[in-house]
Amino acid sequence: MDDNLQHEMQGMIGVYGIEEVALAVVKSQERYFDEMLAGLLSAAKNALADLEGIMPELEPSGDREHPAWRTIEELRFATRIAECMC
């Protein structure tokens, strides 16, 4: 923790108490996590849509031997998990 943040938190603790400061820090981290998760979910959905759209053209045989098919399955799984967390 840098000195400025530590000094600021000490000032807050003197005014608000340790419980209130700890709660504020946790809520701040939760918001950050939610924003980060939403951004990652959006990127994964876009990548999934792109791959689902292009793979039939790249491998029209339908053999699904290209490694991108596995990536599609992994992205589907990851987006389902992330959607449950949002």
PDB file of N, CA and C in Angstrom:
ATOM      1  N   MET A   1       0.868  -1.156   0.000  1.00  0.00           N
ATOM      2  CA  MET A   1       0.000   0.000   0.000  1.00  0.00           C
ATOM      3  C   MET A   1       0.920   1.226   0.000  1.00  0.00           C
ATOM      4  N   ASP A   2       0.646   2.193  -0.870  1.00  0.00           N
ATOM      5  CA  ASP A   2       1.511   3.365  -0.899  1.00  0.00           C
ATOM      6  C   ASP A   2       1.223   4.283   0.285  1.00  0.00           C
ATOM      7  N   ASP A   3       2.176   5.178   0.572  1.00  0.00           N
ATOM      8  CA  ASP A   3       2.085   6.028   1.761  1.00  0.00           C
ATOM      9  C   ASP A   3       0.869   6.946   1.742  1.00  0.00           C
ATOM     10  N   ASN A   4       0.530   7.491   0.557  1.00  0.00           N
ATOM     11  CA  ASN A   4      -0.614   8.400   0.468  1.00  0.00           C
ATOM     12  C   ASN A   4      -1.916   7.687   0.813  1.00  0.00           C
ATOM     13  N   LEU A   5      -2.089   6.490   0.260  1.00  0.00           N
ATOM     14  CA  LEU A   5      -3.310   5.732   0.536  1.00  0.00           C
ATOM     15  C   LEU A   5      -3.376   5.346   2.009  1.00  0.00           C
ATOM     16  N   GLN A   6      -2.254   4.928   2.544  1.00  0.00           N
ATOM     17  CA  GLN A   6      -2.232   4.538   3.951  1.00  0.00           C
ATOM     18  C   GLN A   6      -2.572   5.735   4.838  1.00  0.00           C
ATOM     19  N   HIS A   7      -2.010   6.892   4.526  1.00  0.00           N
ATOM     20  CA  HIS A   7      -2.303   8.103   5.303  1.00  0.00           C
ATOM     21  C   HIS A   7      -3.790   8.470   5.195  1.00  0.00           C
ATOM     22  N   GLU A   8      -4.326   8.373   3.977  1.00  0.00           N
ATOM     23  CA  GLU A   8      -5.745   8.689   3.769  1.00  0.00           C
ATOM     24  C   GLU A   8      -6.637   7.734   4.554  1.00  0.00           C
ATOM     25  N   MET A   9      -6.293   6.445   4.516  1.00  0.00           N
ATOM     26  CA  MET A   9      -7.097   5.466   5.248  1.00  0.00           C
ATOM     27  C   MET A   9      -7.015   5.706   6.751  1.00  0.00           C
ATOM     28  N   GLN A  10      -5.830   6.070   7.259  1.00  0.00           N
ATOM     29  CA  GLN A  10      -5.702   6.352   8.686  1.00  0.00           C
ATOM     30  C   GLN A  10      -6.586   7.527   9.081  1.00  0.00           C
ATOM     31  N   GLY A  11      -6.650   8.543   8.217  1.00  0.00           N
ATOM     32  CA  GLY A  11      -7.527   9.675   8.474  1.00  0.00           C
ATOM     33  C   GLY A  11      -8.982   9.271   8.482  1.00  0.00           C
ATOM     34  N   MET A  12      -9.351   8.383   7.557  1.00  0.00           N
ATOM     35  CA  MET A  12     -10.739   7.910   7.492  1.00  0.00           C
ATOM     36  C   MET A  12     -11.086   7.086   8.718  1.00  0.00           C
ATOM     37  N   ILE A  13     -10.143   6.272   9.159  1.00  0.00           N
ATOM     38  CA  ILE A  13     -10.395   5.426  10.318  1.00  0.00           C
ATOM     39  C   ILE A  13     -10.647   6.281  11.548  1.00  0.00           C
ATOM     40  N   GLY A  14      -9.895   7.382  11.665  1.00  0.00           N
ATOM     41  CA  GLY A  14     -10.090   8.276  12.804  1.00  0.00           C
ATOM     42  C   GLY A  14     -11.473   8.899  12.805  1.00  0.00           C
ATOM     43  N   VAL A  15     -12.048   9.125  11.627  1.00  0.00           N
ATOM     44  CA  VAL A  15     -13.358   9.766  11.518  1.00  0.00           C
ATOM     45  C   VAL A  15     -14.482   8.741  11.514  1.00  0.00           C
ATOM     46  N   TYR A  16     -14.305   7.657  10.754  1.00  0.00           N
ATOM     47  CA  TYR A  16     -15.401   6.714  10.525  1.00  0.00           C
ATOM     48  C   TYR A  16     -15.300   5.413  11.308  1.00  0.00           C
ATOM     49  N   GLY A  17     -14.134   5.005  11.687  1.00  0.00           N
ATOM     50  CA  GLY A  17     -13.975   3.720  12.344  1.00  0.00           C
ATOM     51  C   GLY A  17     -13.535   2.653  11.345  1.00  0.00           C
ATOM     52  N   ILE A  18     -12.854   1.674  11.842  1.00  0.00           N
ATOM     53  CA  ILE A  18     -12.249   0.642  10.997  1.00  0.00           C
ATOM     54  C   ILE A  18     -13.289  -0.157  10.223  1.00  0.00           C
ATOM     55  N   GLU A  19     -14.440  -0.444  10.832  1.00  0.00           N
ATOM     56  CA  GLU A  19     -15.458  -1.254  10.157  1.00  0.00           C
ATOM     57  C   GLU A  19     -16.007  -0.538   8.926  1.00  0.00           C
ATOM     58  N   GLU A  20     -16.282   0.745   9.068  1.00  0.00           N
ATOM     59  CA  GLU A  20     -16.831   1.509   7.946  1.00  0.00           C
ATOM     60  C   GLU A  20     -15.819   1.624   6.813  1.00  0.00           C
ATOM     61  N   VAL A  21     -14.547   1.837   7.180  1.00  0.00           N
ATOM     62  CA  VAL A  21     -13.498   1.948   6.156  1.00  0.00           C
ATOM     63  C   VAL A  21     -13.326   0.610   5.446  1.00  0.00           C
ATOM     64  N   ALA A  22     -13.298  -0.470   6.200  1.00  0.00           N
ATOM     65  CA  ALA A  22     -13.149  -1.799   5.597  1.00  0.00           C
ATOM     66  C   ALA A  22     -14.310  -2.100   4.651  1.00  0.00           C
ATOM     67  N   LEU A  23     -15.514  -1.761   5.059  1.00  0.00           N
ATOM     68  CA  LEU A  23     -16.683  -1.976   4.211  1.00  0.00           C
ATOM     69  C   LEU A  23     -16.586  -1.157   2.929  1.00  0.00           C
ATOM     70  N   ALA A  24     -16.134   0.081   3.038  1.00  0.00           N
ATOM     71  CA  ALA A  24     -15.982   0.935   1.857  1.00  0.00           C
ATOM     72  C   ALA A  24     -14.952   0.353   0.891  1.00  0.00           C
ATOM     73  N   VAL A  25     -13.863  -0.173   1.432  1.00  0.00           N
ATOM     74  CA  VAL A  25     -12.829  -0.777   0.589  1.00  0.00           C
ATOM     75  C   VAL A  25     -13.380  -2.010  -0.117  1.00  0.00           C
ATOM     76  N   VAL A  26     -14.086  -2.856   0.604  1.00  0.00           N
ATOM     77  CA  VAL A  26     -14.665  -4.070   0.004  1.00  0.00           C
ATOM     78  C   VAL A  26     -15.653  -3.703  -1.092  1.00  0.00           C
ATOM     79  N   LYS A  27     -16.523  -2.737  -0.858  1.00  0.00           N
ATOM     80  CA  LYS A  27     -17.498  -2.327  -1.869  1.00  0.00           C
ATOM     81  C   LYS A  27     -16.807  -1.764  -3.102  1.00  0.00           C
ATOM     82  N   SER A  28     -15.736  -1.022  -2.893  1.00  0.00           N
ATOM     83  CA  SER A  28     -14.968  -0.470  -4.008  1.00  0.00           C
ATOM     84  C   SER A  28     -14.384  -1.604  -4.852  1.00  0.00           C
ATOM     85  N   GLN A  29     -13.848  -2.622  -4.195  1.00  0.00           N
ATOM     86  CA  GLN A  29     -13.272  -3.753  -4.914  1.00  0.00           C
ATOM     87  C   GLN A  29     -14.352  -4.562  -5.627  1.00  0.00           C
ATOM     88  N   GLU A  30     -15.517  -4.683  -5.019  1.00  0.00           N
ATOM     89  CA  GLU A  30     -16.628  -5.393  -5.668  1.00  0.00           C
ATOM     90  C   GLU A  30     -17.047  -4.683  -6.945  1.00  0.00           C
ATOM     91  N   ARG A  31     -17.131  -3.350  -6.911  1.00  0.00           N
ATOM     92  CA  ARG A  31     -17.489  -2.586  -8.109  1.00  0.00           C
ATOM     93  C   ARG A  31     -16.443  -2.782  -9.190  1.00  0.00           C
ATOM     94  N   TYR A  32     -15.172  -2.741  -8.797  1.00  0.00           N
ATOM     95  CA  TYR A  32     -14.084  -2.947  -9.757  1.00  0.00           C
ATOM     96  C   TYR A  32     -14.191  -4.328 -10.383  1.00  0.00           C
ATOM     97  N   PHE A  33     -14.424  -5.352  -9.560  1.00  0.00           N
ATOM     98  CA  PHE A  33     -14.551  -6.720 -10.056  1.00  0.00           C
ATOM     99  C   PHE A  33     -15.742  -6.844 -11.010  1.00  0.00           C
ATOM    100  N   ASP A  34     -16.873  -6.257 -10.639  1.00  0.00           N
ATOM    101  CA  ASP A  34     -18.057  -6.315 -11.496  1.00  0.00           C
ATOM    102  C   ASP A  34     -17.804  -5.661 -12.848  1.00  0.00           C
ATOM    103  N   GLU A  35     -17.135  -4.505 -12.840  1.00  0.00           N
ATOM    104  CA  GLU A  35     -16.821  -3.823 -14.099  1.00  0.00           C
ATOM    105  C   GLU A  35     -15.855  -4.644 -14.944  1.00  0.00           C
ATOM    106  N   MET A  36     -14.850  -5.221 -14.303  1.00  0.00           N
ATOM    107  CA  MET A  36     -13.878  -6.034 -15.013  1.00  0.00           C
ATOM    108  C   MET A  36     -14.550  -7.279 -15.603  1.00  0.00           C
ATOM    109  N   LEU A  37     -15.387  -7.930 -14.824  1.00  0.00           N
ATOM    110  CA  LEU A  37     -16.081  -9.125 -15.287  1.00  0.00           C
ATOM    111  C   LEU A  37     -17.000  -8.806 -16.463  1.00  0.00           C
ATOM    112  N   ALA A  38     -17.715  -7.682 -16.384  1.00  0.00           N
ATOM    113  CA  ALA A  38     -18.598  -7.294 -17.483  1.00  0.00           C
ATOM    114  C   ALA A  38     -17.808  -7.049 -18.762  1.00  0.00           C
ATOM    115  N   GLY A  39     -16.655  -6.427 -18.647  1.00  0.00           N
ATOM    116  CA  GLY A  39     -15.813  -6.183 -19.818  1.00  0.00           C
ATOM    117  C   GLY A  39     -15.285  -7.468 -20.419  1.00  0.00           C
ATOM    118  N   LEU A  40     -14.846  -8.379 -19.570  1.00  0.00           N
ATOM    119  CA  LEU A  40     -14.353  -9.669 -20.054  1.00  0.00           C
ATOM    120  C   LEU A  40     -15.464 -10.499 -20.683  1.00  0.00           C
ATOM    121  N   LEU A  41     -16.642 -10.455 -20.089  1.00  0.00           N
ATOM    122  CA  LEU A  41     -17.783 -11.189 -20.632  1.00  0.00           C
ATOM    123  C   LEU A  41     -18.137 -10.659 -22.013  1.00  0.00           C
ATOM    124  N   SER A  42     -18.143  -9.356 -22.160  1.00  0.00           N
ATOM    125  CA  SER A  42     -18.448  -8.749 -23.454  1.00  0.00           C
ATOM    126  C   SER A  42     -17.421  -9.159 -24.501  1.00  0.00           C
ATOM    127  N   ALA A  43     -16.143  -9.119 -24.148  1.00  0.00           N
ATOM    128  CA  ALA A  43     -15.084  -9.515 -25.087  1.00  0.00           C
ATOM    129  C   ALA A  43     -15.201 -10.988 -25.471  1.00  0.00           C
ATOM    130  N   ALA A  44     -15.506 -11.838 -24.489  1.00  0.00           N
ATOM    131  CA  ALA A  44     -15.647 -13.272 -24.773  1.00  0.00           C
ATOM    132  C   ALA A  44     -16.837 -13.537 -25.686  1.00  0.00           C
ATOM    133  N   LYS A  45     -17.946 -12.834 -25.462  1.00  0.00           N
ATOM    134  CA  LYS A  45     -19.120 -13.011 -26.321  1.00  0.00           C
ATOM    135  C   LYS A  45     -18.829 -12.564 -27.751  1.00  0.00           C
ATOM    136  N   ASN A  46     -18.098 -11.467 -27.891  1.00  0.00           N
ATOM    137  CA  ASN A  46     -17.741 -10.997 -29.228  1.00  0.00           C
ATOM    138  C   ASN A  46     -16.826 -11.983 -29.939  1.00  0.00           C
ATOM    139  N   ALA A  47     -15.829 -12.493 -29.222  1.00  0.00           N
ATOM    140  CA  ALA A  47     -14.924 -13.476 -29.807  1.00  0.00           C
ATOM    141  C   ALA A  47     -15.683 -14.737 -30.205  1.00  0.00           C
ATOM    142  N   LEU A  48     -16.597 -15.163 -29.353  1.00  0.00           N
ATOM    143  CA  LEU A  48     -17.407 -16.349 -29.638  1.00  0.00           C
ATOM    144  C   LEU A  48     -18.250 -16.140 -30.892  1.00  0.00           C
ATOM    145  N   ALA A  49     -18.901 -15.000 -30.990  1.00  0.00           N
ATOM    146  CA  ALA A  49     -19.728 -14.720 -32.170  1.00  0.00           C
ATOM    147  C   ALA A  49     -18.879 -14.686 -33.443  1.00  0.00           C
ATOM    148  N   ASP A  50     -17.699 -14.090 -33.341  1.00  0.00           N
ATOM    149  CA  ASP A  50     -16.813 -14.042 -34.505  1.00  0.00           C
ATOM    150  C   ASP A  50     -16.409 -15.447 -34.938  1.00  0.00           C
ATOM    151  N   LEU A  51     -15.986 -16.264 -33.977  1.00  0.00           N
ATOM    152  CA  LEU A  51     -15.558 -17.625 -34.316  1.00  0.00           C
ATOM    153  C   LEU A  51     -16.713 -18.470 -34.845  1.00  0.00           C
ATOM    154  N   GLU A  52     -17.878 -18.354 -34.223  1.00  0.00           N
ATOM    155  CA  GLU A  52     -19.027 -19.125 -34.689  1.00  0.00           C
ATOM    156  C   GLU A  52     -19.411 -18.718 -36.116  1.00  0.00           C
ATOM    157  N   GLY A  53     -19.184 -17.451 -36.446  1.00  0.00           N
ATOM    158  CA  GLY A  53     -19.518 -16.989 -37.783  1.00  0.00           C
ATOM    159  C   GLY A  53     -18.516 -17.401 -38.839  1.00  0.00           C
ATOM    160  N   ILE A  54     -17.239 -17.442 -38.462  1.00  0.00           N
ATOM    161  CA  ILE A  54     -16.205 -17.689 -39.463  1.00  0.00           C
ATOM    162  C   ILE A  54     -15.819 -19.161 -39.613  1.00  0.00           C
ATOM    163  N   MET A  55     -15.968 -19.952 -38.578  1.00  0.00           N
ATOM    164  CA  MET A  55     -15.498 -21.340 -38.646  1.00  0.00           C
ATOM    165  C   MET A  55     -16.188 -22.193 -39.709  1.00  0.00           C
ATOM    166  N   PRO A  56     -17.484 -22.051 -39.922  1.00  0.00           N
ATOM    167  CA  PRO A  56     -18.082 -22.848 -41.002  1.00  0.00           C
ATOM    168  C   PRO A  56     -17.469 -22.531 -42.377  1.00  0.00           C
ATOM    169  N   GLU A  57     -16.997 -21.300 -42.564  1.00  0.00           N
ATOM    170  CA  GLU A  57     -16.346 -20.954 -43.827  1.00  0.00           C
ATOM    171  C   GLU A  57     -14.924 -21.493 -43.891  1.00  0.00           C
ATOM    172  N   LEU A  58     -14.224 -21.498 -42.752  1.00  0.00           N
ATOM    173  CA  LEU A  58     -12.844 -21.978 -42.723  1.00  0.00           C
ATOM    174  C   LEU A  58     -12.757 -23.498 -42.777  1.00  0.00           C
ATOM    175  N   GLU A  59     -13.757 -24.157 -42.282  1.00  0.00           N
ATOM    176  CA  GLU A  59     -13.770 -25.618 -42.279  1.00  0.00           C
ATOM    177  C   GLU A  59     -15.150 -26.103 -42.726  1.00  0.00           C
ATOM    178  N   PRO A  60     -15.463 -25.924 -44.008  1.00  0.00           N
ATOM    179  CA  PRO A  60     -16.807 -26.261 -44.487  1.00  0.00           C
ATOM    180  C   PRO A  60     -17.122 -27.763 -44.458  1.00  0.00           C
ATOM    181  N   SER A  61     -16.100 -28.590 -44.287  1.00  0.00           N
ATOM    182  CA  SER A  61     -16.330 -30.033 -44.258  1.00  0.00           C
ATOM    183  C   SER A  61     -17.168 -30.453 -43.060  1.00  0.00           C
ATOM    184  N   GLY A  62     -17.139 -29.628 -42.009  1.00  0.00           N
ATOM    185  CA  GLY A  62     -17.885 -29.981 -40.800  1.00  0.00           C
ATOM    186  C   GLY A  62     -17.164 -30.963 -39.912  1.00  0.00           C
ATOM    187  N   ASP A  63     -15.894 -31.254 -40.207  1.00  0.00           N
ATOM    188  CA  ASP A  63     -15.124 -32.220 -39.413  1.00  0.00           C
ATOM    189  C   ASP A  63     -14.773 -31.716 -38.018  1.00  0.00           C
ATOM    190  N   ARG A  64     -14.756 -30.436 -37.875  1.00  0.00           N
ATOM    191  CA  ARG A  64     -14.432 -29.793 -36.599  1.00  0.00           C
ATOM    192  C   ARG A  64     -13.092 -30.253 -36.039  1.00  0.00           C
ATOM    193  N   GLU A  65     -12.089 -30.285 -36.894  1.00  0.00           N
ATOM    194  CA  GLU A  65     -10.739 -30.669 -36.474  1.00  0.00           C
ATOM    195  C   GLU A  65      -9.883 -29.448 -36.129  1.00  0.00           C
ATOM    196  N   HIS A  66     -10.271 -28.290 -36.596  1.00  0.00           N
ATOM    197  CA  HIS A  66      -9.500 -27.080 -36.341  1.00  0.00           C
ATOM    198  C   HIS A  66      -9.548 -26.757 -34.845  1.00  0.00           C
ATOM    199  N   PRO A  67      -8.424 -26.303 -34.243  1.00  0.00           N
ATOM    200  CA  PRO A  67      -8.395 -25.985 -32.809  1.00  0.00           C
ATOM    201  C   PRO A  67      -9.388 -24.898 -32.393  1.00  0.00           C
ATOM    202  N   ALA A  68      -9.819 -24.085 -33.320  1.00  0.00           N
ATOM    203  CA  ALA A  68     -10.772 -23.020 -32.978  1.00  0.00           C
ATOM    204  C   ALA A  68     -12.111 -23.587 -32.511  1.00  0.00           C
ATOM    205  N   TRP A  69     -12.450 -24.797 -32.935  1.00  0.00           N
ATOM    206  CA  TRP A  69     -13.702 -25.402 -32.456  1.00  0.00           C
ATOM    207  C   TRP A  69     -13.637 -25.640 -30.952  1.00  0.00           C
ATOM    208  N   ARG A  70     -12.460 -26.032 -30.479  1.00  0.00           N
ATOM    209  CA  ARG A  70     -12.299 -26.211 -29.027  1.00  0.00           C
ATOM    210  C   ARG A  70     -12.401 -24.855 -28.323  1.00  0.00           C
ATOM    211  N   THR A  71     -11.824 -23.843 -28.941  1.00  0.00           N
ATOM    212  CA  THR A  71     -11.915 -22.489 -28.375  1.00  0.00           C
ATOM    213  C   THR A  71     -13.371 -22.058 -28.275  1.00  0.00           C
ATOM    214  N   ILE A  72     -14.170 -22.379 -29.266  1.00  0.00           N
ATOM    215  CA  ILE A  72     -15.596 -22.051 -29.236  1.00  0.00           C
ATOM    216  C   ILE A  72     -16.257 -22.709 -28.026  1.00  0.00           C
ATOM    217  N   GLU A  73     -15.981 -23.973 -27.818  1.00  0.00           N
ATOM    218  CA  GLU A  73     -16.558 -24.674 -26.663  1.00  0.00           C
ATOM    219  C   GLU A  73     -16.094 -24.057 -25.350  1.00  0.00           C
ATOM    220  N   GLU A  74     -14.810 -23.712 -25.278  1.00  0.00           N
ATOM    221  CA  GLU A  74     -14.289 -23.096 -24.055  1.00  0.00           C
ATOM    222  C   GLU A  74     -14.927 -21.733 -23.810  1.00  0.00           C
ATOM    223  N   LEU A  75     -15.113 -20.950 -24.877  1.00  0.00           N
ATOM    224  CA  LEU A  75     -15.747 -19.642 -24.730  1.00  0.00           C
ATOM    225  C   LEU A  75     -17.210 -19.782 -24.310  1.00  0.00           C
ATOM    226  N   ARG A  76     -17.894 -20.753 -24.847  1.00  0.00           N
ATOM    227  CA  ARG A  76     -19.285 -20.989 -24.438  1.00  0.00           C
ATOM    228  C   ARG A  76     -19.356 -21.309 -22.944  1.00  0.00           C
ATOM    229  N   PHE A  77     -18.472 -22.181 -22.508  1.00  0.00           N
ATOM    230  CA  PHE A  77     -18.430 -22.560 -21.090  1.00  0.00           C
ATOM    231  C   PHE A  77     -18.086 -21.349 -20.220  1.00  0.00           C
ATOM    232  N   ALA A  78     -17.066 -20.596 -20.613  1.00  0.00           N
ATOM    233  CA  ALA A  78     -16.632 -19.434 -19.831  1.00  0.00           C
ATOM    234  C   ALA A  78     -17.726 -18.367 -19.761  1.00  0.00           C
ATOM    235  N   THR A  79     -18.434 -18.142 -20.855  1.00  0.00           N
ATOM    236  CA  THR A  79     -19.480 -17.115 -20.826  1.00  0.00           C
ATOM    237  C   THR A  79     -20.655 -17.558 -19.961  1.00  0.00           C
ATOM    238  N   ARG A  80     -20.964 -18.844 -19.963  1.00  0.00           N
ATOM    239  CA  ARG A  80     -22.036 -19.317 -19.076  1.00  0.00           C
ATOM    240  C   ARG A  80     -21.677 -19.091 -17.608  1.00  0.00           C
ATOM    241  N   ILE A  81     -20.441 -19.384 -17.254  1.00  0.00           N
ATOM    242  CA  ILE A  81     -19.994 -19.162 -15.879  1.00  0.00           C
ATOM    243  C   ILE A  81     -20.021 -17.679 -15.530  1.00  0.00           C
ATOM    244  N   ALA A  82     -19.480 -16.851 -16.419  1.00  0.00           N
ATOM    245  CA  ALA A  82     -19.432 -15.404 -16.160  1.00  0.00           C
ATOM    246  C   ALA A  82     -20.826 -14.803 -16.052  1.00  0.00           C
ATOM    247  N   GLU A  83     -21.759 -15.287 -16.856  1.00  0.00           N
ATOM    248  CA  GLU A  83     -23.130 -14.779 -16.781  1.00  0.00           C
ATOM    249  C   GLU A  83     -23.781 -15.113 -15.441  1.00  0.00           C
ATOM    250  N   CYS A  84     -23.418 -16.249 -14.879  1.00  0.00           N
ATOM    251  CA  CYS A  84     -23.946 -16.614 -13.558  1.00  0.00           C
ATOM    252  C   CYS A  84     -23.370 -15.719 -12.471  1.00  0.00           C
ATOM    253  N   MET A  85     -22.171 -15.207 -12.676  1.00  0.00           N
ATOM    254  CA  MET A  85     -21.508 -14.367 -11.680  1.00  0.00           C
ATOM    255  C   MET A  85     -21.964 -12.916 -11.758  1.00  0.00           C
ATOM    256  N   CYS A  86     -22.500 -12.513 -12.894  1.00  0.00           N
ATOM    257  CA  CYS A  86     -22.915 -11.101 -13.056  1.00  0.00           C
ATOM    258  C   CYS A  86     -24.214 -10.801 -12.348  1.00  0.00           C
TER     259      CYS A  86
END
